[in-house]
Amino acid sequence: MDILSLIRDALHERYDIPVESVTPETTLEALGVDSLGLVELMFEMEDRIGVTMPQDFSNPVTVADLMDLVNNVLLTARLQAA
């Protein structure tokens, strides 16, 4: 599963952001993602990957931070399933 592609697709569908402008170094603020948008994006990630995102996550600043958060949630879910 390519987390960057999932995030790119979600941002493109929700905000019409060109996928090529979403890089790991890009800040969510530069993409126009505010706090409400971040919550909506987290719900979108839940739907796309099929796991529940934590409610007490620290706010990611960059796309890479969001990728790390999603990867950690996936890893935790896999460990709990094993």
PDB file of N, CA and C in Angstrom:
ATOM      1  N   MET A   1       0.848  -1.185   0.000  1.00  0.00           N
ATOM      2  CA  MET A   1       0.000   0.000   0.000  1.00  0.00           C
ATOM      3  C   MET A   1       0.886   1.238   0.000  1.00  0.00           C
ATOM      4  N   ASP A   2       0.679   2.102  -0.949  1.00  0.00           N
ATOM      5  CA  ASP A   2       1.464   3.324  -1.073  1.00  0.00           C
ATOM      6  C   ASP A   2       0.713   4.469  -0.387  1.00  0.00           C
ATOM      7  N   ILE A   3       1.175   4.825   0.788  1.00  0.00           N
ATOM      8  CA  ILE A   3       0.509   5.836   1.603  1.00  0.00           C
ATOM      9  C   ILE A   3       0.534   7.196   0.915  1.00  0.00           C
ATOM     10  N   LEU A   4       1.650   7.550   0.290  1.00  0.00           N
ATOM     11  CA  LEU A   4       1.728   8.842  -0.396  1.00  0.00           C
ATOM     12  C   LEU A   4       0.661   8.939  -1.484  1.00  0.00           C
ATOM     13  N   SER A   5       0.468   7.884  -2.232  1.00  0.00           N
ATOM     14  CA  SER A   5      -0.563   7.893  -3.282  1.00  0.00           C
ATOM     15  C   SER A   5      -1.959   8.045  -2.683  1.00  0.00           C
ATOM     16  N   LEU A   6      -2.208   7.381  -1.559  1.00  0.00           N
ATOM     17  CA  LEU A   6      -3.506   7.521  -0.894  1.00  0.00           C
ATOM     18  C   LEU A   6      -3.755   8.967  -0.472  1.00  0.00           C
ATOM     19  N   ILE A   7      -2.735   9.585   0.101  1.00  0.00           N
ATOM     20  CA  ILE A   7      -2.860  10.964   0.548  1.00  0.00           C
ATOM     21  C   ILE A   7      -3.031  11.895  -0.650  1.00  0.00           C
ATOM     22  N   ARG A   8      -2.245  11.671  -1.687  1.00  0.00           N
ATOM     23  CA  ARG A   8      -2.364  12.492  -2.897  1.00  0.00           C
ATOM     24  C   ARG A   8      -3.768  12.402  -3.480  1.00  0.00           C
ATOM     25  N   ASP A   9      -4.286  11.179  -3.585  1.00  0.00           N
ATOM     26  CA  ASP A   9      -5.622  10.992  -4.155  1.00  0.00           C
ATOM     27  C   ASP A   9      -6.689  11.670  -3.299  1.00  0.00           C
ATOM     28  N   ALA A  10      -6.578  11.517  -1.983  1.00  0.00           N
ATOM     29  CA  ALA A  10      -7.557  12.123  -1.082  1.00  0.00           C
ATOM     30  C   ALA A  10      -7.527  13.644  -1.186  1.00  0.00           C
ATOM     31  N   LEU A  11      -6.334  14.225  -1.220  1.00  0.00           N
ATOM     32  CA  LEU A  11      -6.223  15.684  -1.332  1.00  0.00           C
ATOM     33  C   LEU A  11      -6.700  16.177  -2.687  1.00  0.00           C
ATOM     34  N   HIS A  12      -6.446  15.409  -3.708  1.00  0.00           N
ATOM     35  CA  HIS A  12      -6.909  15.798  -5.040  1.00  0.00           C
ATOM     36  C   HIS A  12      -8.439  15.768  -5.103  1.00  0.00           C
ATOM     37  N   GLU A  13      -9.032  14.710  -4.587  1.00  0.00           N
ATOM     38  CA  GLU A  13     -10.486  14.585  -4.621  1.00  0.00           C
ATOM     39  C   GLU A  13     -11.177  15.614  -3.741  1.00  0.00           C
ATOM     40  N   ARG A  14     -10.623  15.884  -2.571  1.00  0.00           N
ATOM     41  CA  ARG A  14     -11.276  16.786  -1.617  1.00  0.00           C
ATOM     42  C   ARG A  14     -11.006  18.264  -1.926  1.00  0.00           C
ATOM     43  N   TYR A  15      -9.777  18.587  -2.324  1.00  0.00           N
ATOM     44  CA  TYR A  15      -9.387  19.992  -2.498  1.00  0.00           C
ATOM     45  C   TYR A  15      -8.982  20.344  -3.929  1.00  0.00           C
ATOM     46  N   ASP A  16      -9.059  19.380  -4.833  1.00  0.00           N
ATOM     47  CA  ASP A  16      -8.653  19.572  -6.221  1.00  0.00           C
ATOM     48  C   ASP A  16      -7.186  20.007  -6.329  1.00  0.00           C
ATOM     49  N   ILE A  17      -6.358  19.469  -5.444  1.00  0.00           N
ATOM     50  CA  ILE A  17      -4.928  19.758  -5.439  1.00  0.00           C
ATOM     51  C   ILE A  17      -4.261  18.832  -6.445  1.00  0.00           C
ATOM     52  N   PRO A  18      -3.470  19.364  -7.355  1.00  0.00           N
ATOM     53  CA  PRO A  18      -2.764  18.496  -8.306  1.00  0.00           C
ATOM     54  C   PRO A  18      -1.869  17.507  -7.555  1.00  0.00           C
ATOM     55  N   VAL A  19      -1.960  16.239  -7.923  1.00  0.00           N
ATOM     56  CA  VAL A  19      -1.214  15.211  -7.192  1.00  0.00           C
ATOM     57  C   VAL A  19       0.289  15.442  -7.224  1.00  0.00           C
ATOM     58  N   GLU A  20       0.790  16.028  -8.311  1.00  0.00           N
ATOM     59  CA  GLU A  20       2.242  16.246  -8.400  1.00  0.00           C
ATOM     60  C   GLU A  20       2.743  17.320  -7.434  1.00  0.00           C
ATOM     61  N   SER A  21       1.834  18.133  -6.891  1.00  0.00           N
ATOM     62  CA  SER A  21       2.260  19.163  -5.941  1.00  0.00           C
ATOM     63  C   SER A  21       2.286  18.639  -4.502  1.00  0.00           C
ATOM     64  N   VAL A  22       1.845  17.406  -4.295  1.00  0.00           N
ATOM     65  CA  VAL A  22       1.847  16.809  -2.958  1.00  0.00           C
ATOM     66  C   VAL A  22       3.096  15.938  -2.820  1.00  0.00           C
ATOM     67  N   THR A  23       4.080  16.482  -2.121  1.00  0.00           N
ATOM     68  CA  THR A  23       5.328  15.771  -1.876  1.00  0.00           C
ATOM     69  C   THR A  23       5.489  15.597  -0.368  1.00  0.00           C
ATOM     70  N   PRO A  24       6.333  14.685   0.058  1.00  0.00           N
ATOM     71  CA  PRO A  24       6.524  14.510   1.502  1.00  0.00           C
ATOM     72  C   PRO A  24       6.936  15.795   2.222  1.00  0.00           C
ATOM     73  N   GLU A  25       7.666  16.662   1.543  1.00  0.00           N
ATOM     74  CA  GLU A  25       8.144  17.889   2.177  1.00  0.00           C
ATOM     75  C   GLU A  25       7.088  18.993   2.236  1.00  0.00           C
ATOM     76  N   THR A  26       6.011  18.852   1.483  1.00  0.00           N
ATOM     77  CA  THR A  26       4.983  19.888   1.427  1.00  0.00           C
ATOM     78  C   THR A  26       4.268  19.985   2.764  1.00  0.00           C
ATOM     79  N   THR A  27       4.071  21.216   3.238  1.00  0.00           N
ATOM     80  CA  THR A  27       3.303  21.381   4.474  1.00  0.00           C
ATOM     81  C   THR A  27       1.815  21.308   4.147  1.00  0.00           C
ATOM     82  N   LEU A  28       1.058  20.804   5.100  1.00  0.00           N
ATOM     83  CA  LEU A  28      -0.387  20.738   4.923  1.00  0.00           C
ATOM     84  C   LEU A  28      -0.969  22.144   4.815  1.00  0.00           C
ATOM     85  N   GLU A  29      -0.377  23.086   5.538  1.00  0.00           N
ATOM     86  CA  GLU A  29      -0.825  24.476   5.470  1.00  0.00           C
ATOM     87  C   GLU A  29      -0.673  25.021   4.049  1.00  0.00           C
ATOM     88  N   ALA A  30       0.441  24.722   3.397  1.00  0.00           N
ATOM     89  CA  ALA A  30       0.666  25.192   2.034  1.00  0.00           C
ATOM     90  C   ALA A  30      -0.356  24.606   1.061  1.00  0.00           C
ATOM     91  N   LEU A  31      -0.882  23.434   1.411  1.00  0.00           N
ATOM     92  CA  LEU A  31      -1.897  22.799   0.574  1.00  0.00           C
ATOM     93  C   LEU A  31      -3.306  23.298   0.884  1.00  0.00           C
ATOM     94  N   GLY A  32      -3.424  24.135   1.911  1.00  0.00           N
ATOM     95  CA  GLY A  32      -4.729  24.681   2.278  1.00  0.00           C
ATOM     96  C   GLY A  32      -5.514  23.807   3.237  1.00  0.00           C
ATOM     97  N   VAL A  33      -4.824  22.881   3.909  1.00  0.00           N
ATOM     98  CA  VAL A  33      -5.488  21.989   4.851  1.00  0.00           C
ATOM     99  C   VAL A  33      -5.437  22.623   6.238  1.00  0.00           C
ATOM    100  N   ASP A  34      -6.602  23.088   6.711  1.00  0.00           N
ATOM    101  CA  ASP A  34      -6.683  23.676   8.049  1.00  0.00           C
ATOM    102  C   ASP A  34      -7.040  22.578   9.055  1.00  0.00           C
ATOM    103  N   SER A  35      -7.330  22.948  10.294  1.00  0.00           N
ATOM    104  CA  SER A  35      -7.584  21.940  11.322  1.00  0.00           C
ATOM    105  C   SER A  35      -8.828  21.103  11.010  1.00  0.00           C
ATOM    106  N   LEU A  36      -9.877  21.733  10.514  1.00  0.00           N
ATOM    107  CA  LEU A  36     -11.071  20.986  10.128  1.00  0.00           C
ATOM    108  C   LEU A  36     -10.764  20.070   8.945  1.00  0.00           C
ATOM    109  N   GLY A  37     -10.013  20.576   7.983  1.00  0.00           N
ATOM    110  CA  GLY A  37      -9.623  19.777   6.840  1.00  0.00           C
ATOM    111  C   GLY A  37      -8.789  18.578   7.242  1.00  0.00           C
ATOM    112  N   LEU A  38      -7.950  18.753   8.256  1.00  0.00           N
ATOM    113  CA  LEU A  38      -7.127  17.650   8.740  1.00  0.00           C
ATOM    114  C   LEU A  38      -8.002  16.553   9.342  1.00  0.00           C
ATOM    115  N   VAL A  39      -8.997  16.943  10.113  1.00  0.00           N
ATOM    116  CA  VAL A  39      -9.913  15.959  10.697  1.00  0.00           C
ATOM    117  C   VAL A  39     -10.640  15.207   9.585  1.00  0.00           C
ATOM    118  N   GLU A  40     -11.111  15.940   8.590  1.00  0.00           N
ATOM    119  CA  GLU A  40     -11.793  15.301   7.466  1.00  0.00           C
ATOM    120  C   GLU A  40     -10.853  14.361   6.712  1.00  0.00           C
ATOM    121  N   LEU A  41      -9.611  14.781   6.558  1.00  0.00           N
ATOM    122  CA  LEU A  41      -8.618  13.948   5.883  1.00  0.00           C
ATOM    123  C   LEU A  41      -8.336  12.677   6.684  1.00  0.00           C
ATOM    124  N   MET A  42      -8.319  12.788   7.999  1.00  0.00           N
ATOM    125  CA  MET A  42      -8.107  11.613   8.841  1.00  0.00           C
ATOM    126  C   MET A  42      -9.265  10.624   8.687  1.00  0.00           C
ATOM    127  N   PHE A  43     -10.500  11.126   8.624  1.00  0.00           N
ATOM    128  CA  PHE A  43     -11.650  10.240   8.390  1.00  0.00           C
ATOM    129  C   PHE A  43     -11.540   9.581   7.021  1.00  0.00           C
ATOM    130  N   GLU A  44     -11.071  10.333   6.049  1.00  0.00           N
ATOM    131  CA  GLU A  44     -10.874   9.797   4.699  1.00  0.00           C
ATOM    132  C   GLU A  44      -9.837   8.678   4.718  1.00  0.00           C
ATOM    133  N   MET A  45      -8.760   8.877   5.463  1.00  0.00           N
ATOM    134  CA  MET A  45      -7.729   7.837   5.568  1.00  0.00           C
ATOM    135  C   MET A  45      -8.301   6.586   6.238  1.00  0.00           C
ATOM    136  N   GLU A  46      -9.132   6.778   7.261  1.00  0.00           N
ATOM    137  CA  GLU A  46      -9.765   5.628   7.901  1.00  0.00           C
ATOM    138  C   GLU A  46     -10.554   4.811   6.889  1.00  0.00           C
ATOM    139  N   ASP A  47     -11.341   5.497   6.085  1.00  0.00           N
ATOM    140  CA  ASP A  47     -12.148   4.815   5.072  1.00  0.00           C
ATOM    141  C   ASP A  47     -11.274   4.096   4.050  1.00  0.00           C
ATOM    142  N   ARG A  48     -10.202   4.729   3.643  1.00  0.00           N
ATOM    143  CA  ARG A  48      -9.353   4.162   2.589  1.00  0.00           C
ATOM    144  C   ARG A  48      -8.498   2.989   3.064  1.00  0.00           C
ATOM    145  N   ILE A  49      -8.047   3.024   4.320  1.00  0.00           N
ATOM    146  CA  ILE A  49      -7.162   1.950   4.781  1.00  0.00           C
ATOM    147  C   ILE A  49      -7.865   0.955   5.698  1.00  0.00           C
ATOM    148  N   GLY A  50      -9.058   1.288   6.142  1.00  0.00           N
ATOM    149  CA  GLY A  50      -9.836   0.342   6.917  1.00  0.00           C
ATOM    150  C   GLY A  50      -9.426   0.187   8.370  1.00  0.00           C
ATOM    151  N   VAL A  51      -8.777   1.176   8.937  1.00  0.00           N
ATOM    152  CA  VAL A  51      -8.436   1.148  10.364  1.00  0.00           C
ATOM    153  C   VAL A  51      -8.832   2.484  10.984  1.00  0.00           C
ATOM    154  N   THR A  52      -9.006   2.468  12.289  1.00  0.00           N
ATOM    155  CA  THR A  52      -9.393   3.672  13.009  1.00  0.00           C
ATOM    156  C   THR A  52      -8.157   4.481  13.372  1.00  0.00           C
ATOM    157  N   MET A  53      -8.190   5.744  13.019  1.00  0.00           N
ATOM    158  CA  MET A  53      -7.092   6.639  13.369  1.00  0.00           C
ATOM    159  C   MET A  53      -7.256   7.063  14.825  1.00  0.00           C
ATOM    160  N   PRO A  54      -6.154   7.285  15.534  1.00  0.00           N
ATOM    161  CA  PRO A  54      -6.258   7.704  16.932  1.00  0.00           C
ATOM    162  C   PRO A  54      -6.863   9.100  17.042  1.00  0.00           C
ATOM    163  N   GLN A  55      -7.613   9.301  18.116  1.00  0.00           N
ATOM    164  CA  GLN A  55      -8.214  10.615  18.330  1.00  0.00           C
ATOM    165  C   GLN A  55      -7.238  11.588  18.964  1.00  0.00           C
ATOM    166  N   ASP A  56      -6.176  11.068  19.537  1.00  0.00           N
ATOM    167  CA  ASP A  56      -5.214  11.914  20.252  1.00  0.00           C
ATOM    168  C   ASP A  56      -3.901  12.074  19.489  1.00  0.00           C
ATOM    169  N   PHE A  57      -3.988  12.082  18.158  1.00  0.00           N
ATOM    170  CA  PHE A  57      -2.776  12.207  17.354  1.00  0.00           C
ATOM    171  C   PHE A  57      -2.222  13.626  17.434  1.00  0.00           C
ATOM    172  N   SER A  58      -0.901  13.729  17.287  1.00  0.00           N
ATOM    173  CA  SER A  58      -0.300  15.066  17.221  1.00  0.00           C
ATOM    174  C   SER A  58      -0.462  15.552  15.783  1.00  0.00           C
ATOM    175  N   ASN A  59      -0.782  16.813  15.639  1.00  0.00           N
ATOM    176  CA  ASN A  59      -1.070  17.355  14.316  1.00  0.00           C
ATOM    177  C   ASN A  59       0.151  17.289  13.411  1.00  0.00           C
ATOM    178  N   PRO A  60       0.013  16.581  12.302  1.00  0.00           N
ATOM    179  CA  PRO A  60       1.120  16.548  11.347  1.00  0.00           C
ATOM    180  C   PRO A  60       1.292  17.913  10.696  1.00  0.00           C
ATOM    181  N   VAL A  61       2.527  18.273  10.415  1.00  0.00           N
ATOM    182  CA  VAL A  61       2.824  19.553   9.777  1.00  0.00           C
ATOM    183  C   VAL A  61       3.040  19.354   8.279  1.00  0.00           C
ATOM    184  N   THR A  62       3.722  18.279   7.938  1.00  0.00           N
ATOM    185  CA  THR A  62       4.031  18.014   6.534  1.00  0.00           C
ATOM    186  C   THR A  62       3.308  16.748   6.077  1.00  0.00           C
ATOM    187  N   VAL A  63       3.330  16.532   4.789  1.00  0.00           N
ATOM    188  CA  VAL A  63       2.778  15.297   4.230  1.00  0.00           C
ATOM    189  C   VAL A  63       3.547  14.104   4.776  1.00  0.00           C
ATOM    190  N   ALA A  64       4.853  14.234   4.946  1.00  0.00           N
ATOM    191  CA  ALA A  64       5.661  13.149   5.521  1.00  0.00           C
ATOM    192  C   ALA A  64       5.199  12.817   6.940  1.00  0.00           C
ATOM    193  N   ASP A  65       4.860  13.827   7.729  1.00  0.00           N
ATOM    194  CA  ASP A  65       4.346  13.590   9.085  1.00  0.00           C
ATOM    195  C   ASP A  65       3.045  12.791   9.022  1.00  0.00           C
ATOM    196  N   LEU A  66       2.177  13.146   8.080  1.00  0.00           N
ATOM    197  CA  LEU A  66       0.912  12.433   7.913  1.00  0.00           C
ATOM    198  C   LEU A  66       1.166  10.999   7.453  1.00  0.00           C
ATOM    199  N   MET A  67       2.127  10.819   6.557  1.00  0.00           N
ATOM    200  CA  MET A  67       2.492   9.478   6.104  1.00  0.00           C
ATOM    201  C   MET A  67       2.979   8.631   7.284  1.00  0.00           C
ATOM    202  N   ASP A  68       3.809   9.209   8.139  1.00  0.00           N
ATOM    203  CA  ASP A  68       4.312   8.493   9.313  1.00  0.00           C
ATOM    204  C   ASP A  68       3.170   8.094  10.241  1.00  0.00           C
ATOM    205  N   LEU A  69       2.233   8.994  10.446  1.00  0.00           N
ATOM    206  CA  LEU A  69       1.087   8.719  11.302  1.00  0.00           C
ATOM    207  C   LEU A  69       0.275   7.550  10.753  1.00  0.00           C
ATOM    208  N   VAL A  70      -0.030   7.590   9.469  1.00  0.00           N
ATOM    209  CA  VAL A  70      -0.810   6.516   8.849  1.00  0.00           C
ATOM    210  C   VAL A  70      -0.030   5.196   8.908  1.00  0.00           C
ATOM    211  N   ASN A  71       1.256   5.244   8.609  1.00  0.00           N
ATOM    212  CA  ASN A  71       2.076   4.024   8.679  1.00  0.00           C
ATOM    213  C   ASN A  71       2.102   3.438  10.088  1.00  0.00           C
ATOM    214  N   ASN A  72       2.208   4.287  11.100  1.00  0.00           N
ATOM    215  CA  ASN A  72       2.217   3.814  12.481  1.00  0.00           C
ATOM    216  C   ASN A  72       0.888   3.174  12.861  1.00  0.00           C
ATOM    217  N   VAL A  73      -0.211   3.753  12.406  1.00  0.00           N
ATOM    218  CA  VAL A  73      -1.533   3.187  12.683  1.00  0.00           C
ATOM    219  C   VAL A  73      -1.660   1.817  12.014  1.00  0.00           C
ATOM    220  N   LEU A  74      -1.209   1.726  10.776  1.00  0.00           N
ATOM    221  CA  LEU A  74      -1.255   0.442  10.071  1.00  0.00           C
ATOM    222  C   LEU A  74      -0.404  -0.610  10.762  1.00  0.00           C
ATOM    223  N   LEU A  75       0.788  -0.229  11.194  1.00  0.00           N
ATOM    224  CA  LEU A  75       1.680  -1.156  11.889  1.00  0.00           C
ATOM    225  C   LEU A  75       1.052  -1.639  13.192  1.00  0.00           C
ATOM    226  N   THR A  76       0.474  -0.724  13.947  1.00  0.00           N
ATOM    227  CA  THR A  76      -0.179  -1.083  15.196  1.00  0.00           C
ATOM    228  C   THR A  76      -1.343  -2.038  14.954  1.00  0.00           C
ATOM    229  N   ALA A  77      -2.133  -1.759  13.925  1.00  0.00           N
ATOM    230  CA  ALA A  77      -3.267  -2.632  13.595  1.00  0.00           C
ATOM    231  C   ALA A  77      -2.788  -4.022  13.211  1.00  0.00           C
ATOM    232  N   ARG A  78      -1.711  -4.107  12.457  1.00  0.00           N
ATOM    233  CA  ARG A  78      -1.166  -5.415  12.066  1.00  0.00           C
ATOM    234  C   ARG A  78      -0.640  -6.189  13.274  1.00  0.00           C
ATOM    235  N   LEU A  79       0.021  -5.477  14.172  1.00  0.00           N
ATOM    236  CA  LEU A  79       0.554  -6.138  15.374  1.00  0.00           C
ATOM    237  C   LEU A  79      -0.567  -6.636  16.265  1.00  0.00           C
ATOM    238  N   GLN A  80      -1.637  -5.877  16.367  1.00  0.00           N
ATOM    239  CA  GLN A  80      -2.767  -6.298  17.209  1.00  0.00           C
ATOM    240  C   GLN A  80      -3.505  -7.473  16.590  1.00  0.00           C
ATOM    241  N   ALA A  81      -3.493  -7.561  15.264  1.00  0.00           N
ATOM    242  CA  ALA A  81      -4.174  -8.663  14.579  1.00  0.00           C
ATOM    243  C   ALA A  81      -3.393  -9.963  14.650  1.00  0.00           C
ATOM    244  N   ALA A  82      -2.079  -9.853  14.893  1.00  0.00           N
ATOM    245  CA  ALA A  82      -1.221 -11.052  14.899  1.00  0.00           C
ATOM    246  C   ALA A  82      -1.343 -11.835  16.177  1.00  0.00           C
TER     247      ALA A  82
END
